[in-house]
N, C-alpha and C. Protein backbone atom coordinates (compact mmCIF):
# COMPACT_ATOMS: atom_id res chain seq x y z
N MET A 1 -33.02 43.75 -26.78
CA MET A 1 -32.89 43.82 -28.25
C MET A 1 -34.17 43.74 -28.87
N ASN A 2 -34.27 44.47 -30.01
CA ASN A 2 -35.40 44.24 -30.76
C ASN A 2 -35.09 43.18 -31.80
N ILE A 3 -36.11 42.80 -32.70
CA ILE A 3 -36.07 41.76 -33.62
C ILE A 3 -34.87 42.02 -34.66
N SER A 4 -34.66 43.27 -35.03
CA SER A 4 -33.66 43.70 -36.03
C SER A 4 -32.21 43.40 -35.37
N ASP A 5 -32.13 43.75 -34.09
CA ASP A 5 -30.78 43.62 -33.55
C ASP A 5 -30.56 42.07 -33.24
N VAL A 6 -31.40 41.30 -32.88
CA VAL A 6 -31.23 39.88 -32.66
C VAL A 6 -31.15 39.22 -34.07
N SER A 7 -31.76 39.69 -34.96
CA SER A 7 -31.52 39.20 -36.48
C SER A 7 -30.16 39.29 -36.82
N ALA A 8 -29.64 40.49 -36.67
CA ALA A 8 -28.24 40.84 -37.09
C ALA A 8 -27.22 39.91 -36.12
N ALA A 9 -27.44 39.90 -34.92
CA ALA A 9 -26.52 39.23 -34.00
C ALA A 9 -26.58 37.69 -34.34
N SER A 10 -27.68 37.06 -34.64
CA SER A 10 -27.87 35.68 -34.87
C SER A 10 -27.65 35.20 -36.34
N GLY A 11 -27.75 36.09 -37.23
CA GLY A 11 -27.74 35.74 -38.60
C GLY A 11 -29.01 35.13 -39.14
N LEU A 12 -30.10 35.24 -38.47
CA LEU A 12 -31.33 34.69 -38.96
C LEU A 12 -32.27 35.89 -39.32
N PRO A 13 -33.03 35.60 -40.47
CA PRO A 13 -33.93 36.70 -40.75
C PRO A 13 -35.05 36.72 -39.80
N PRO A 14 -35.79 38.10 -39.70
CA PRO A 14 -36.75 38.20 -38.80
C PRO A 14 -38.01 37.26 -38.96
N LYS A 15 -38.28 36.94 -40.16
CA LYS A 15 -39.40 35.96 -40.46
C LYS A 15 -39.09 34.64 -39.83
N THR A 16 -37.90 34.12 -39.85
CA THR A 16 -37.50 32.91 -39.19
C THR A 16 -37.61 32.92 -37.65
N ILE A 17 -37.05 34.15 -37.07
CA ILE A 17 -37.20 34.30 -35.79
C ILE A 17 -38.59 34.35 -35.15
N ARG A 18 -39.61 35.01 -35.96
CA ARG A 18 -40.94 35.06 -35.63
C ARG A 18 -41.50 33.62 -35.71
N TYR A 19 -41.08 32.79 -36.70
CA TYR A 19 -41.50 31.42 -36.79
C TYR A 19 -41.07 30.63 -35.61
N TYR A 20 -39.85 30.73 -35.19
CA TYR A 20 -39.37 30.05 -34.00
C TYR A 20 -40.00 30.42 -32.82
N GLU A 21 -40.53 31.71 -32.59
CA GLU A 21 -41.27 32.17 -31.55
C GLU A 21 -42.66 31.42 -31.65
N GLU A 22 -43.30 31.50 -32.87
CA GLU A 22 -44.65 30.90 -32.98
C GLU A 22 -44.76 29.45 -32.66
N ILE A 23 -43.64 28.62 -32.90
CA ILE A 23 -43.63 27.16 -32.60
C ILE A 23 -43.04 26.90 -31.22
N GLY A 24 -42.71 27.95 -30.53
CA GLY A 24 -42.28 27.79 -29.11
C GLY A 24 -40.85 27.45 -28.93
N LEU A 25 -39.94 27.66 -29.88
CA LEU A 25 -38.57 27.38 -29.80
C LEU A 25 -37.85 28.51 -28.87
N ILE A 26 -38.36 29.75 -28.97
CA ILE A 26 -37.82 30.86 -28.30
C ILE A 26 -39.06 31.47 -27.64
N ARG A 27 -38.80 32.19 -26.54
CA ARG A 27 -39.92 32.93 -25.95
C ARG A 27 -39.48 34.29 -25.44
N PRO A 28 -39.31 35.32 -26.36
CA PRO A 28 -38.71 36.55 -26.00
C PRO A 28 -39.75 37.22 -25.05
N ALA A 29 -39.37 38.06 -24.19
CA ALA A 29 -40.16 38.87 -23.25
C ALA A 29 -40.83 39.92 -24.18
N ARG A 30 -41.84 40.47 -23.64
CA ARG A 30 -42.63 41.56 -24.27
C ARG A 30 -42.55 42.75 -23.46
N SER A 31 -42.27 43.93 -24.17
CA SER A 31 -42.23 45.12 -23.55
C SER A 31 -43.57 45.63 -23.19
N THR A 32 -43.78 46.76 -22.44
CA THR A 32 -45.10 47.28 -22.16
C THR A 32 -45.88 47.64 -23.34
N ASN A 33 -45.22 47.93 -24.41
CA ASN A 33 -45.92 48.31 -25.62
C ASN A 33 -46.18 47.17 -26.67
N GLY A 34 -45.79 46.00 -26.09
CA GLY A 34 -45.99 44.70 -26.79
C GLY A 34 -45.01 44.26 -27.83
N TYR A 35 -43.95 45.04 -27.94
CA TYR A 35 -42.76 44.67 -28.90
C TYR A 35 -41.99 43.54 -28.17
N ARG A 36 -41.48 42.70 -29.01
CA ARG A 36 -40.57 41.53 -28.62
C ARG A 36 -39.30 42.24 -27.99
N ASP A 37 -38.85 41.66 -26.91
CA ASP A 37 -37.53 42.19 -26.30
C ASP A 37 -36.78 41.00 -25.99
N PHE A 38 -35.78 40.81 -26.89
CA PHE A 38 -34.92 39.69 -26.90
C PHE A 38 -33.66 39.85 -26.02
N SER A 39 -33.35 38.87 -25.25
CA SER A 39 -32.25 38.94 -24.25
C SER A 39 -30.94 38.43 -24.99
N GLU A 40 -29.91 38.55 -24.37
CA GLU A 40 -28.60 38.08 -24.98
C GLU A 40 -28.72 36.50 -25.07
N ALA A 41 -29.43 35.91 -24.04
CA ALA A 41 -29.56 34.45 -24.15
C ALA A 41 -30.48 34.10 -25.34
N ASP A 42 -31.46 34.89 -25.63
CA ASP A 42 -32.26 34.53 -26.94
C ASP A 42 -31.41 34.58 -28.18
N GLY A 43 -30.54 35.57 -28.12
CA GLY A 43 -29.69 35.57 -29.25
C GLY A 43 -28.68 34.54 -29.45
N HIS A 44 -28.28 34.05 -28.36
CA HIS A 44 -27.36 32.75 -28.33
C HIS A 44 -28.22 31.57 -28.78
N LYS A 45 -29.51 31.50 -28.34
CA LYS A 45 -30.26 30.32 -28.72
C LYS A 45 -30.64 30.41 -30.07
N LEU A 46 -30.89 31.59 -30.69
CA LEU A 46 -31.13 31.69 -32.09
C LEU A 46 -29.93 31.39 -32.99
N ALA A 47 -28.78 31.76 -32.57
CA ALA A 47 -27.61 31.39 -33.23
C ALA A 47 -27.36 29.88 -33.30
N PHE A 48 -27.58 29.24 -32.09
CA PHE A 48 -27.55 27.82 -31.99
C PHE A 48 -28.49 27.16 -32.87
N LEU A 49 -29.70 27.63 -32.90
CA LEU A 49 -30.72 27.02 -33.80
C LEU A 49 -30.36 27.37 -35.25
N GLY A 50 -29.77 28.45 -35.67
CA GLY A 50 -29.39 28.61 -37.02
C GLY A 50 -28.25 27.52 -37.41
N ARG A 51 -27.31 27.44 -36.64
CA ARG A 51 -26.27 26.46 -36.84
C ARG A 51 -26.81 25.02 -36.80
N ALA A 52 -27.72 24.77 -36.01
CA ALA A 52 -28.22 23.33 -36.13
C ALA A 52 -29.03 23.03 -37.35
N ARG A 53 -29.86 24.12 -37.74
CA ARG A 53 -30.61 24.00 -39.04
C ARG A 53 -29.68 23.91 -40.13
N SER A 54 -28.51 24.64 -40.11
CA SER A 54 -27.63 24.68 -41.32
C SER A 54 -26.93 23.41 -41.47
N LEU A 55 -26.95 22.57 -40.41
CA LEU A 55 -26.47 21.24 -40.35
C LEU A 55 -27.52 20.18 -40.76
N GLY A 56 -28.67 20.69 -41.01
CA GLY A 56 -29.79 19.76 -41.48
C GLY A 56 -30.71 19.21 -40.36
N PHE A 57 -30.48 19.58 -39.12
CA PHE A 57 -31.37 19.08 -38.07
C PHE A 57 -32.70 19.53 -38.25
N SER A 58 -33.69 18.56 -38.12
CA SER A 58 -35.12 19.04 -38.20
C SER A 58 -35.47 19.92 -36.99
N ILE A 59 -36.67 20.47 -37.21
CA ILE A 59 -37.22 21.45 -36.19
C ILE A 59 -37.31 20.59 -34.85
N GLU A 60 -37.82 19.27 -34.92
CA GLU A 60 -38.00 18.43 -33.71
C GLU A 60 -36.56 18.14 -33.15
N ASP A 61 -35.71 17.83 -34.00
CA ASP A 61 -34.30 17.75 -33.45
C ASP A 61 -33.75 18.97 -32.79
N CYS A 62 -34.15 20.10 -33.37
CA CYS A 62 -33.73 21.33 -32.74
C CYS A 62 -34.30 21.57 -31.44
N ARG A 63 -35.54 21.25 -31.31
CA ARG A 63 -36.28 21.32 -30.09
C ARG A 63 -35.55 20.48 -28.97
N ILE A 64 -35.17 19.31 -29.34
CA ILE A 64 -34.45 18.37 -28.40
C ILE A 64 -33.16 18.96 -28.06
N LEU A 65 -32.40 19.30 -29.12
CA LEU A 65 -31.02 19.90 -28.80
C LEU A 65 -31.00 21.08 -28.00
N LEU A 66 -32.01 21.93 -28.29
CA LEU A 66 -32.13 23.25 -27.41
C LEU A 66 -32.49 22.88 -26.07
N SER A 67 -33.27 21.92 -25.81
CA SER A 67 -33.57 21.54 -24.38
C SER A 67 -32.30 21.01 -23.78
N LEU A 68 -31.48 20.25 -24.43
CA LEU A 68 -30.32 19.81 -23.92
C LEU A 68 -29.35 20.82 -23.80
N TYR A 69 -29.25 21.86 -24.74
CA TYR A 69 -28.40 22.94 -24.52
C TYR A 69 -28.66 23.76 -23.23
N GLU A 70 -29.97 23.81 -22.89
CA GLU A 70 -30.38 24.61 -21.78
C GLU A 70 -30.16 23.94 -20.43
N ASP A 71 -30.01 22.46 -20.54
CA ASP A 71 -29.96 21.66 -19.35
C ASP A 71 -28.48 21.38 -19.09
N ARG A 72 -28.05 22.12 -18.04
CA ARG A 72 -26.57 22.05 -17.68
C ARG A 72 -26.18 20.70 -17.07
N SER A 73 -27.25 19.77 -16.67
CA SER A 73 -26.94 18.56 -16.20
C SER A 73 -27.18 17.44 -17.18
N ARG A 74 -27.16 17.85 -18.44
CA ARG A 74 -27.40 16.96 -19.49
C ARG A 74 -26.32 15.92 -19.68
N ALA A 75 -26.61 14.78 -20.20
CA ALA A 75 -25.53 13.79 -20.51
C ALA A 75 -25.13 13.90 -21.98
N SER A 76 -23.90 14.03 -22.18
CA SER A 76 -23.47 14.19 -23.74
C SER A 76 -23.90 13.07 -24.43
N ALA A 77 -24.24 11.86 -23.97
CA ALA A 77 -24.68 10.75 -24.58
C ALA A 77 -26.05 11.04 -25.22
N ASP A 78 -26.83 11.85 -24.61
CA ASP A 78 -28.08 12.21 -25.15
C ASP A 78 -28.02 12.98 -26.45
N VAL A 79 -26.92 14.11 -26.36
CA VAL A 79 -26.76 14.88 -27.46
C VAL A 79 -26.22 14.11 -28.73
N LYS A 80 -25.20 13.19 -28.32
CA LYS A 80 -24.64 12.31 -29.34
C LYS A 80 -25.79 11.38 -30.10
N ALA A 81 -26.64 10.97 -29.23
CA ALA A 81 -27.64 10.03 -29.79
C ALA A 81 -28.55 10.86 -30.80
N VAL A 82 -28.96 12.12 -30.63
CA VAL A 82 -29.64 12.93 -31.56
C VAL A 82 -28.76 13.16 -32.77
N ALA A 83 -27.58 13.50 -32.52
CA ALA A 83 -26.62 13.79 -33.74
C ALA A 83 -26.40 12.46 -34.56
N SER A 84 -26.24 11.42 -33.87
CA SER A 84 -25.87 10.06 -34.59
C SER A 84 -27.04 9.67 -35.50
N GLU A 85 -28.37 9.83 -34.91
CA GLU A 85 -29.56 9.56 -35.62
C GLU A 85 -29.63 10.39 -36.93
N HIS A 86 -29.29 11.68 -36.71
CA HIS A 86 -29.41 12.63 -37.81
C HIS A 86 -28.29 12.19 -38.90
N MET A 87 -27.12 11.85 -38.41
CA MET A 87 -26.08 11.42 -39.35
C MET A 87 -26.46 10.15 -40.03
N ASN A 88 -27.22 9.28 -39.37
CA ASN A 88 -27.70 8.10 -40.11
C ASN A 88 -28.72 8.43 -41.16
N ARG A 89 -29.63 9.46 -40.89
CA ARG A 89 -30.55 9.87 -41.99
C ARG A 89 -29.81 10.55 -43.07
N ILE A 90 -28.73 11.21 -42.83
CA ILE A 90 -27.88 11.87 -43.94
C ILE A 90 -27.26 10.70 -44.70
N ASN A 91 -26.80 9.78 -44.13
CA ASN A 91 -26.06 8.65 -44.87
C ASN A 91 -26.99 7.86 -45.71
N ARG A 92 -28.28 7.69 -45.22
CA ARG A 92 -29.38 6.95 -46.04
C ARG A 92 -29.69 7.79 -47.25
N LYS A 93 -29.77 9.17 -46.97
CA LYS A 93 -30.08 10.13 -48.04
C LYS A 93 -29.00 10.13 -49.14
N ILE A 94 -27.77 10.13 -48.64
CA ILE A 94 -26.61 9.98 -49.66
C ILE A 94 -26.70 8.75 -50.48
N GLU A 95 -27.04 7.59 -49.87
CA GLU A 95 -27.19 6.35 -50.55
C GLU A 95 -28.24 6.53 -51.52
N GLU A 96 -29.37 7.09 -51.22
CA GLU A 96 -30.51 7.25 -52.24
C GLU A 96 -30.09 8.12 -53.34
N LEU A 97 -29.47 9.23 -52.98
CA LEU A 97 -28.94 10.21 -54.08
C LEU A 97 -27.92 9.57 -54.98
N ALA A 98 -27.03 8.71 -54.46
CA ALA A 98 -26.12 7.96 -55.30
C ALA A 98 -26.82 6.99 -56.22
N ALA A 99 -27.80 6.38 -55.70
CA ALA A 99 -28.55 5.37 -56.56
C ALA A 99 -29.29 6.16 -57.77
N MET A 100 -29.88 7.30 -57.35
CA MET A 100 -30.57 8.09 -58.41
C MET A 100 -29.51 8.67 -59.47
N ARG A 101 -28.30 9.11 -58.90
CA ARG A 101 -27.24 9.48 -59.83
C ARG A 101 -26.97 8.37 -60.77
N ASP A 102 -26.73 7.20 -60.22
CA ASP A 102 -26.24 5.98 -61.00
C ASP A 102 -27.43 5.79 -62.21
N THR A 103 -28.58 5.61 -61.69
CA THR A 103 -29.70 5.30 -62.56
C THR A 103 -29.85 6.39 -63.71
N LEU A 104 -29.84 7.62 -63.26
CA LEU A 104 -29.94 8.76 -64.33
C LEU A 104 -28.78 8.80 -65.15
N GLY A 105 -27.52 8.55 -64.71
CA GLY A 105 -26.31 8.50 -65.41
C GLY A 105 -26.36 7.36 -66.54
N ASP A 106 -26.93 6.13 -66.16
CA ASP A 106 -27.10 5.13 -67.08
C ASP A 106 -28.01 5.57 -68.21
N LEU A 107 -29.20 6.13 -67.75
CA LEU A 107 -30.14 6.50 -68.84
C LEU A 107 -29.68 7.60 -69.77
N VAL A 108 -28.94 8.53 -69.27
CA VAL A 108 -28.30 9.50 -70.03
C VAL A 108 -27.33 9.00 -71.03
N LYS A 109 -26.55 8.00 -70.54
CA LYS A 109 -25.47 7.32 -71.40
C LYS A 109 -26.13 6.61 -72.45
N ARG A 110 -27.34 5.91 -72.09
CA ARG A 110 -27.92 5.04 -73.23
C ARG A 110 -28.73 5.88 -74.16
N CYS A 111 -29.06 6.99 -73.86
CA CYS A 111 -29.84 8.06 -74.79
C CYS A 111 -28.84 8.56 -75.89
N LYS A 112 -29.21 8.27 -77.09
CA LYS A 112 -28.30 8.75 -78.21
C LYS A 112 -28.30 10.26 -78.39
N GLY A 113 -29.37 10.88 -77.96
CA GLY A 113 -29.41 12.40 -77.99
C GLY A 113 -29.41 12.86 -79.44
N ASN A 114 -30.09 12.16 -80.27
CA ASN A 114 -30.16 12.63 -81.69
C ASN A 114 -31.53 13.09 -82.08
N ASP A 115 -31.81 13.13 -83.36
CA ASP A 115 -33.05 13.72 -83.87
C ASP A 115 -34.20 12.61 -83.81
N ARG A 116 -33.86 11.46 -83.45
CA ARG A 116 -34.94 10.37 -83.45
C ARG A 116 -35.73 10.59 -82.21
N PRO A 117 -37.08 10.15 -82.29
CA PRO A 117 -37.86 10.19 -80.99
C PRO A 117 -37.60 9.18 -79.97
N ASP A 118 -37.05 8.04 -80.29
CA ASP A 118 -36.86 6.91 -79.29
C ASP A 118 -35.72 7.52 -78.18
N CYS A 119 -36.23 7.14 -77.00
CA CYS A 119 -35.36 7.71 -75.89
C CYS A 119 -35.46 6.84 -74.65
N PRO A 120 -34.45 6.22 -74.13
CA PRO A 120 -34.50 5.44 -72.98
C PRO A 120 -34.94 6.15 -71.80
N ILE A 121 -34.61 7.56 -71.69
CA ILE A 121 -34.99 8.31 -70.58
C ILE A 121 -36.53 8.36 -70.47
N ILE A 122 -37.15 8.72 -71.66
CA ILE A 122 -38.70 8.87 -71.68
C ILE A 122 -39.14 7.49 -71.36
N ASP A 123 -38.61 6.43 -72.01
CA ASP A 123 -39.15 4.98 -71.81
C ASP A 123 -39.10 4.75 -70.23
N ASP A 124 -38.06 5.00 -69.71
CA ASP A 124 -38.02 4.67 -68.20
C ASP A 124 -38.96 5.42 -67.33
N LEU A 125 -39.06 6.74 -67.58
CA LEU A 125 -39.95 7.56 -66.84
C LEU A 125 -41.35 7.23 -67.14
N SER A 126 -41.76 6.61 -68.18
CA SER A 126 -43.09 6.27 -68.57
C SER A 126 -43.40 4.75 -68.11
N GLY A 127 -42.26 4.03 -67.52
CA GLY A 127 -42.50 2.76 -67.02
C GLY A 127 -42.24 1.67 -68.17
N ARG A 128 -41.92 2.08 -69.33
CA ARG A 128 -41.58 1.13 -70.43
C ARG A 128 -40.06 1.05 -70.50
N ARG A 129 -39.73 -0.18 -70.95
CA ARG A 129 -38.21 -0.44 -71.28
C ARG A 129 -38.19 -0.61 -72.78
N SER A 130 -37.42 0.15 -73.33
CA SER A 130 -37.27 0.05 -74.83
C SER A 130 -36.41 -1.26 -75.11
N VAL A 131 -36.99 -2.00 -76.14
CA VAL A 131 -36.40 -3.29 -76.48
C VAL A 131 -34.88 -3.06 -76.96
N ALA A 132 -34.65 -1.92 -77.75
CA ALA A 132 -33.34 -1.66 -78.31
C ALA A 132 -32.42 -1.24 -77.14
N ASN A 133 -32.90 -0.72 -76.02
CA ASN A 133 -32.15 -0.16 -75.01
C ASN A 133 -32.09 -1.11 -73.74
N GLY A 134 -32.64 -2.29 -73.76
CA GLY A 134 -32.47 -3.20 -72.66
C GLY A 134 -33.77 -3.40 -72.11
């Protein structure tokens, strides 16, 4: 398969496929004229990578998961460990985002949004706390 074919089959753009090749995640064969020649297995690996990336796994996580995917003697505990650590990172990020939402929500609520220049949002962003706003 050429890059257009494997792109259509995997759902990944050619630029991403080239990048994955550049960083060693996939290694397509080369034809005598130097063109990439993707196998069906390459297509499956690319689809696997696309799905893993859509779930937010890092490139390094993908490298580990791909090696586990290719290792038929793998222990599912190894796969679970990678996924669990990623889920922990997601949960930490959700907590950070919730805290940001709460802080910003409080600032928006405290801002009168009128024609006056005083604004608790600006005060907070500049590191000042308005006396009138707490």
